[in-house]
Every structure is written in C-alpha cells, then in structure tokens.
Protein backbone atom coordinates (compact mmCIF):
# COMPACT_ATOMS: atom_id res chain seq x y z
CA MET A 1 5.02 -15.54 0.33
CA LEU A 2 8.00 -12.91 0.28
CA ASN A 3 7.49 -12.75 -3.46
CA ASP A 4 3.83 -12.01 -3.10
CA ILE A 5 4.59 -8.42 -1.77
CA THR A 6 3.90 -6.03 -4.50
CA LEU A 7 3.90 -2.70 -2.30
CA GLY A 8 7.02 -0.68 -3.17
CA GLN A 9 7.71 -2.18 -6.59
CA TYR A 10 7.54 -0.23 -9.84
CA PHE A 11 6.11 -1.77 -13.10
CA PRO A 12 7.51 0.30 -15.95
CA GLY A 13 5.23 1.22 -18.69
CA ASN A 14 3.89 3.93 -20.83
CA SER A 15 0.20 3.90 -20.15
CA VAL A 16 -2.18 7.01 -19.19
CA VAL A 17 -1.65 6.11 -15.60
CA HIS A 18 1.93 6.04 -15.74
CA ARG A 19 2.22 9.41 -17.52
CA MET A 20 0.19 11.09 -15.02
CA ASP A 21 1.62 13.77 -12.84
CA PRO A 22 2.79 12.05 -9.49
CA ARG A 23 1.18 14.77 -7.43
CA MET A 24 -2.18 14.15 -9.06
CA LYS A 25 -1.94 10.44 -8.46
CA LEU A 26 -1.16 11.03 -4.79
CA ILE A 27 -4.17 13.03 -4.40
CA LEU A 28 -6.48 10.94 -6.51
CA THR A 29 -5.22 7.65 -4.46
CA ILE A 30 -6.09 9.50 -1.42
CA LEU A 31 -9.44 10.44 -2.30
CA TYR A 32 -10.06 6.85 -3.49
CA ILE A 33 -9.18 5.61 -0.29
CA VAL A 34 -11.62 8.22 1.38
CA GLY A 35 -14.18 7.12 -0.75
CA VAL A 36 -13.78 3.46 0.20
CA PHE A 37 -14.01 4.34 3.69
CA LEU A 38 -17.16 6.17 3.20
CA ILE A 39 -18.94 2.95 1.60
CA GLY A 40 -21.69 1.44 3.73
CA ASN A 41 -23.04 -1.30 1.71
CA LEU A 42 -22.12 -3.97 -0.70
CA PRO A 43 -23.23 -2.41 -3.92
CA GLY A 44 -20.70 0.66 -3.13
CA TYR A 45 -17.89 -1.98 -2.79
CA ILE A 46 -18.69 -3.35 -6.01
CA ILE A 47 -18.55 0.12 -7.62
CA ALA A 48 -15.22 0.40 -5.92
CA PHE A 49 -13.81 -2.75 -7.40
CA ALA A 50 -15.07 -2.10 -10.82
CA PHE A 51 -13.42 1.51 -10.89
CA LEU A 52 -10.01 0.00 -9.54
CA TYR A 53 -10.29 -2.89 -12.17
CA LEU A 54 -10.69 -0.39 -14.95
CA VAL A 55 -7.63 1.61 -13.66
CA VAL A 56 -5.63 -1.45 -13.47
CA ARG A 57 -6.46 -2.62 -16.77
CA ILE A 58 -5.58 0.92 -18.42
CA ALA A 59 -2.25 0.86 -16.55
CA GLY A 60 -1.57 -2.48 -18.18
CA ILE A 61 -0.87 -4.23 -15.01
CA LYS A 62 -2.32 -7.90 -14.42
CA PHE A 63 -5.13 -7.87 -11.93
CA SER A 64 -3.85 -11.27 -10.64
CA TYR A 65 -0.50 -9.67 -9.97
CA LEU A 66 -2.26 -7.09 -7.70
CA LEU A 67 -4.22 -9.62 -5.69
CA LYS A 68 -0.95 -11.23 -5.32
CA GLY A 69 0.12 -8.56 -2.82
CA ILE A 70 -2.96 -9.41 -0.61
CA ARG A 71 -1.71 -12.82 0.54
CA PRO A 72 1.07 -11.64 2.73
CA LEU A 73 -1.69 -9.63 4.66
CA ARG A 74 -4.30 -12.37 4.97
CA PHE A 75 -3.63 -12.95 8.65
CA ILE A 76 -4.04 -9.13 9.33
CA ILE A 77 -7.45 -9.04 7.24
CA ILE A 78 -8.76 -12.36 8.84
CA PHE A 79 -7.69 -11.21 12.30
CA THR A 80 -9.61 -7.64 11.61
CA PHE A 81 -12.70 -9.79 10.37
CA VAL A 82 -12.85 -11.91 13.41
CA LEU A 83 -12.28 -8.99 15.91
CA ASN A 84 -15.17 -7.15 14.38
CA LEU A 85 -17.08 -10.20 14.46
CA LEU A 86 -16.86 -10.89 17.92
CA PHE A 87 -17.11 -7.52 19.48
CA VAL A 88 -19.54 -5.54 17.32
CA GLN A 89 -23.15 -5.57 18.65
CA GLY A 90 -26.25 -6.02 16.53
CA GLU A 91 -29.91 -6.55 16.92
CA THR A 92 -30.47 -9.29 14.50
CA PRO A 93 -29.13 -12.53 15.51
CA ILE A 94 -28.07 -15.31 12.99
CA VAL A 95 -26.52 -17.84 14.95
CA LYS A 96 -26.28 -18.17 18.85
CA LEU A 97 -23.70 -20.38 20.43
CA GLY A 98 -23.73 -20.36 24.33
CA PHE A 99 -22.63 -16.92 25.34
CA PHE A 100 -21.77 -15.86 21.80
CA THR A 101 -24.34 -14.28 19.26
CA LEU A 102 -23.48 -13.70 15.89
CA THR A 103 -25.64 -10.80 14.41
CA TRP A 104 -26.42 -9.72 11.02
CA GLU A 105 -24.96 -6.23 11.93
CA ALA A 106 -21.68 -7.87 13.06
CA LEU A 107 -21.16 -9.87 9.88
CA LEU A 108 -21.74 -7.01 7.84
CA ASN A 109 -19.35 -4.75 9.75
CA ALA A 110 -16.43 -7.26 9.71
CA THR A 111 -17.09 -7.81 5.97
CA PHE A 112 -16.86 -4.15 5.15
CA PHE A 113 -13.79 -3.40 7.45
CA ALA A 114 -11.80 -6.38 5.74
CA LEU A 115 -12.86 -5.22 2.39
CA ARG A 116 -11.45 -1.74 3.30
CA LEU A 117 -8.16 -3.05 3.97
CA VAL A 118 -8.07 -4.82 0.76
CA PHE A 119 -8.85 -1.92 -1.23
CA LEU A 120 -6.41 0.28 0.86
CA VAL A 121 -3.38 -2.03 -0.23
CA MET A 122 -4.65 -2.68 -3.64
CA GLY A 123 -5.05 1.07 -4.19
CA THR A 124 -1.70 2.20 -2.65
CA SER A 125 0.10 -0.70 -4.87
CA VAL A 126 -1.57 0.89 -8.13
CA LEU A 127 0.18 4.15 -7.18
CA THR A 128 3.65 2.55 -6.40
CA LEU A 129 3.40 0.11 -9.38
CA THR A 130 3.04 2.99 -11.86
CA THR A 131 5.09 5.61 -10.26
CA SER A 132 8.98 5.48 -9.87
CA PRO A 133 10.68 6.38 -6.71
CA VAL A 134 12.08 9.41 -8.31
CA GLN A 135 8.47 10.58 -9.38
CA LEU A 136 7.02 9.85 -6.08
CA THR A 137 9.87 11.76 -4.23
CA ASP A 138 9.31 14.70 -6.34
CA GLY A 139 5.46 14.33 -6.02
CA LEU A 140 5.63 13.96 -2.31
CA GLU A 141 7.97 17.07 -1.90
CA ARG A 142 6.16 19.38 -4.19
CA LEU A 143 2.75 18.53 -2.25
CA MET A 144 4.04 19.31 1.16
CA ARG A 145 6.27 22.44 0.08
CA PRO A 146 3.61 24.66 1.65
CA LEU A 147 4.63 23.23 4.99
CA GLN A 148 8.32 24.49 4.61
CA ARG A 149 6.79 27.96 5.86
CA PHE A 150 6.55 26.47 9.25
CA HIS A 151 10.33 24.75 9.02
CA PHE A 152 8.83 21.48 8.11
CA PRO A 153 11.35 19.17 6.48
CA ALA A 154 9.30 18.19 3.59
CA HIS A 155 12.27 16.99 1.22
CA GLU A 156 13.84 15.08 3.91
CA LEU A 157 10.65 13.41 4.84
CA ALA A 158 9.55 12.74 1.15
CA MET A 159 13.22 11.15 0.59
CA MET A 160 12.91 9.05 3.63
CA MET A 161 9.46 7.60 2.77
CA THR A 162 10.56 6.91 -0.93
CA ILE A 163 13.71 5.14 -0.01
CA ALA A 164 11.98 3.16 2.52
CA LEU A 165 9.27 2.17 -0.20
CA ARG A 166 12.25 1.46 -2.67
CA PHE A 167 14.13 -0.86 -0.43
CA ILE A 168 11.02 -3.05 0.57
CA PRO A 169 11.79 -5.38 -2.51
CA THR A 170 15.35 -5.24 -2.03
CA LEU A 171 14.83 -6.50 1.54
CA LEU A 172 12.52 -9.10 0.56
CA GLU A 173 14.91 -10.38 -1.99
CA GLU A 174 17.74 -10.36 0.85
CA THR A 175 15.38 -12.10 3.02
CA ASP A 176 14.62 -14.92 0.80
CA LYS A 177 18.38 -15.21 0.02
CA ILE A 178 19.24 -15.59 3.82
CA GLN A 179 16.29 -18.11 4.40
CA LYS A 180 17.28 -20.38 1.57
CA ALA A 181 20.94 -20.15 2.78
CA GLN A 182 19.86 -21.20 6.28
CA MET A 183 17.61 -23.81 4.87
CA ALA A 184 20.55 -25.42 3.24
CA ARG A 185 22.39 -25.46 6.30
CA GLY A 186 19.70 -27.43 8.07
CA ALA A 187 17.37 -24.73 9.37
CA ASP A 188 13.61 -25.48 9.98
CA PHE A 189 11.20 -22.51 9.77
CA GLU A 190 7.94 -24.39 9.25
CA THR A 191 7.70 -26.92 11.99
CA GLY A 192 7.29 -26.76 15.68
CA ASN A 193 5.04 -24.83 17.90
CA LEU A 194 4.82 -20.94 18.16
CA ILE A 195 7.83 -20.58 20.30
CA ALA A 196 10.15 -22.83 18.27
CA ARG A 197 9.28 -20.96 15.20
CA ALA A 198 10.05 -17.67 16.78
CA LYS A 199 13.55 -18.86 18.14
CA ALA A 200 14.19 -20.22 14.45
CA MET A 201 13.80 -16.83 13.00
CA ILE A 202 16.71 -15.54 14.93
CA PRO A 203 19.32 -16.76 12.54
CA LEU A 204 17.20 -15.05 9.71
CA LEU A 205 16.72 -11.82 11.46
CA VAL A 206 20.18 -11.19 12.66
CA PRO A 207 21.72 -11.35 9.29
CA LEU A 208 18.83 -9.48 7.89
CA PHE A 209 19.38 -6.50 10.10
CA VAL A 210 23.06 -6.37 9.83
CA SER A 211 22.49 -6.24 5.88
CA ALA A 212 19.80 -3.50 6.20
CA PHE A 213 22.20 -1.21 8.35
CA ARG A 214 25.22 -2.11 5.76
CA ARG A 215 22.95 -1.05 2.89
CA ALA A 216 21.72 2.34 4.73
CA ASN A 217 25.29 3.19 5.59
CA ASP A 218 26.42 2.42 1.99
CA LEU A 219 23.72 4.68 0.49
CA ALA A 220 24.42 7.48 3.04
CA MET A 221 28.11 7.32 2.21
CA ALA A 222 27.26 7.17 -1.45
CA MET A 223 25.14 10.48 -1.14
CA GLU A 224 27.68 12.20 0.74
CA ALA A 225 30.73 11.18 -1.53
CA ARG A 226 28.47 12.83 -4.30
CA CYS A 227 27.78 16.04 -2.50
CA TYR A 228 23.98 15.47 -2.36
CA ARG A 229 22.26 18.43 -0.85
CA GLY A 230 18.54 18.53 -1.05
CA GLY A 231 15.91 21.33 -0.64
CA ASP A 232 15.48 24.32 -2.87
CA GLN A 233 18.79 24.13 -4.59
CA ARG A 234 18.28 20.65 -5.95
CA THR A 235 17.65 20.84 -9.80
CA ARG A 236 15.54 18.13 -11.43
CA LEU A 237 15.80 16.53 -14.99
CA ARG A 238 11.91 16.61 -15.39
CA GLU A 239 9.87 19.39 -14.00
CA LEU A 240 6.44 18.43 -12.88
CA LYS A 241 3.60 19.77 -14.94
CA TYR A 242 0.02 18.92 -14.93
CA THR A 243 -1.53 17.82 -18.13
CA ARG A 244 -4.74 17.00 -19.94
CA LEU A 245 -4.34 13.47 -18.61
CA ASP A 246 -4.32 14.65 -14.86
CA ALA A 247 -7.60 16.27 -15.67
CA TYR A 248 -9.14 13.15 -17.05
CA GLY A 249 -7.98 11.27 -13.98
CA ALA A 250 -9.34 13.77 -11.67
CA ALA A 251 -12.93 13.92 -13.38
CA ALA A 252 -12.77 10.04 -13.15
CA VAL A 253 -12.29 10.07 -9.65
CA ALA A 254 -14.99 12.74 -9.11
CA VAL A 255 -17.42 10.64 -10.91
CA PHE A 256 -16.58 7.70 -8.91
CA LEU A 257 -16.99 9.72 -5.57
CA ALA A 258 -20.15 11.08 -7.07
CA VAL A 259 -21.66 7.80 -7.98
CA ILE A 260 -20.68 6.63 -4.29
CA ALA A 261 -22.42 9.67 -2.74
CA VAL A 262 -25.61 9.02 -4.79
CA GLU A 263 -25.50 5.40 -4.28
CA GLY A 264 -25.17 5.76 -0.45
CA VAL A 265 -28.01 8.12 -0.42
CA LEU A 266 -30.40 5.76 -2.28
CA LEU A 267 -29.56 2.53 -0.69
CA GLY A 268 -28.43 3.93 2.69
C-alpha cells in the first residue's frame, strides 16, 4: 500500500504539461478543483474525468499509475461516502430499514462527495508528477510574492511546503524498509484486533520518527554549511516565463469551466 502513494512524486518528462510554467500549473490546478466542487450532477463528473484523462495522456503518464494513488485513501473516501449516506436528509426514499431511511438525495450527495475527493487527489497528483520540487518552490514563491508587502514569509513557506512534498516518497520508502526489517524479526502488523495492531505499530513508528528527525537535522546542517539564504538575494538557474503553452493550458481550463457552467445551467 505504501508504494501506491503518488502524491509528492515527480515523473520526469518533456511533454507539453511538463514544460508549462509552474505558476500557471498551480493556478490551473486550483481552478480545476474549484470547477469539480461546483459540479452538481453525474454528467459534470464525466466531463471532469474526460478532461483529466486527456491531460494525463498529454503528460505521458499512465492513468493506472494515477489511479494507484487513490488506494491508500480508500478508507477516507468510503468513510466520507457512508457519513453522507447516513446524515443527509432527502425526500425520495429508496430503502427503509427500521429507523434508517436511504433516500435518493443522500445517495447522490454521498457519491458526489466521494468523487470530489477522488478528483482532488488525482488533480493534485498530476501537478506534483509533472513539476519538479525546485520548480514547485519557485512557482509558489512567485505567486505569494505580493504578500511580502505585509511581511508574509513567502519564500520560507514555499520551501517548507515543497520539502514536505519531496520527503513523502522518501519517508514511505523508509517506512517500507523498517516494516520489512521488523517483520523479519517476528513483528506482526496484520493480525489481532484494533488495539493489538495499534501496539504493533510502535516498533515501526519510533524508528520512523527518529529517522525523520535525523533527516531534517542533516538537511538543515547541509543548507547552513552551504550558506543558504533565501529571499530576494537568491539567484535562479532558470527564470520563470510564461509561454504560448501556458496560454493554451489556460484556454483549455477556461473551456472546461465554461462547459461545466453551461452543463450546470442546462441540467441543474
């Protein structure tokens, strides 16, 4: 399951999506997520899926690899689905079991919330898979630069967010190594009740936290030894520039949002 997490990983390539400006990709990803949350019927989600599938194919990423990143979150998705199914009221009953009545409105609402979570994860994964950590840091910093007038630490925040995303695959790999080492020593992580499984995680979590703090300390010492100083004085190897590809990407997302709006008016 740990190998299924795709968030934070970078897939090198030279596609149109890879060559786009990271600032534009951040903005378009946010707009896509906003558009998904504005959808209120099943045809809208079909359009959102088709658009995402087209972007993934253009980026040269296997869609099955993107779907693999949904597996670790299936518990949260199922929990969200069941929660909306139980607590959302409706007027069109489908099944009545004692005090519980399943309505058509509750089923639709639960399905839409689950789909929103899926598209949220997949859309964000496309961003991280096609944008290197360095580009992501530069894009976040440039987008938040106007906030520096209010003494907002734009560079520091962008650096922390990017380092956190960058270390997700590293920590997952470290977790897998520790888990295999503990299983070779006789540890059992799969049998027993919930309390027994929680206690079995202690030999896994303690070395993982120690390793994480050690990596963070090594990274801080390496940056300090190299006299790293962020902010306005920092030079960049590649300056960010908007190109024609960014205009095409913005036009594609604008068309997507327009189709969603028209579809919502006609079928809403």
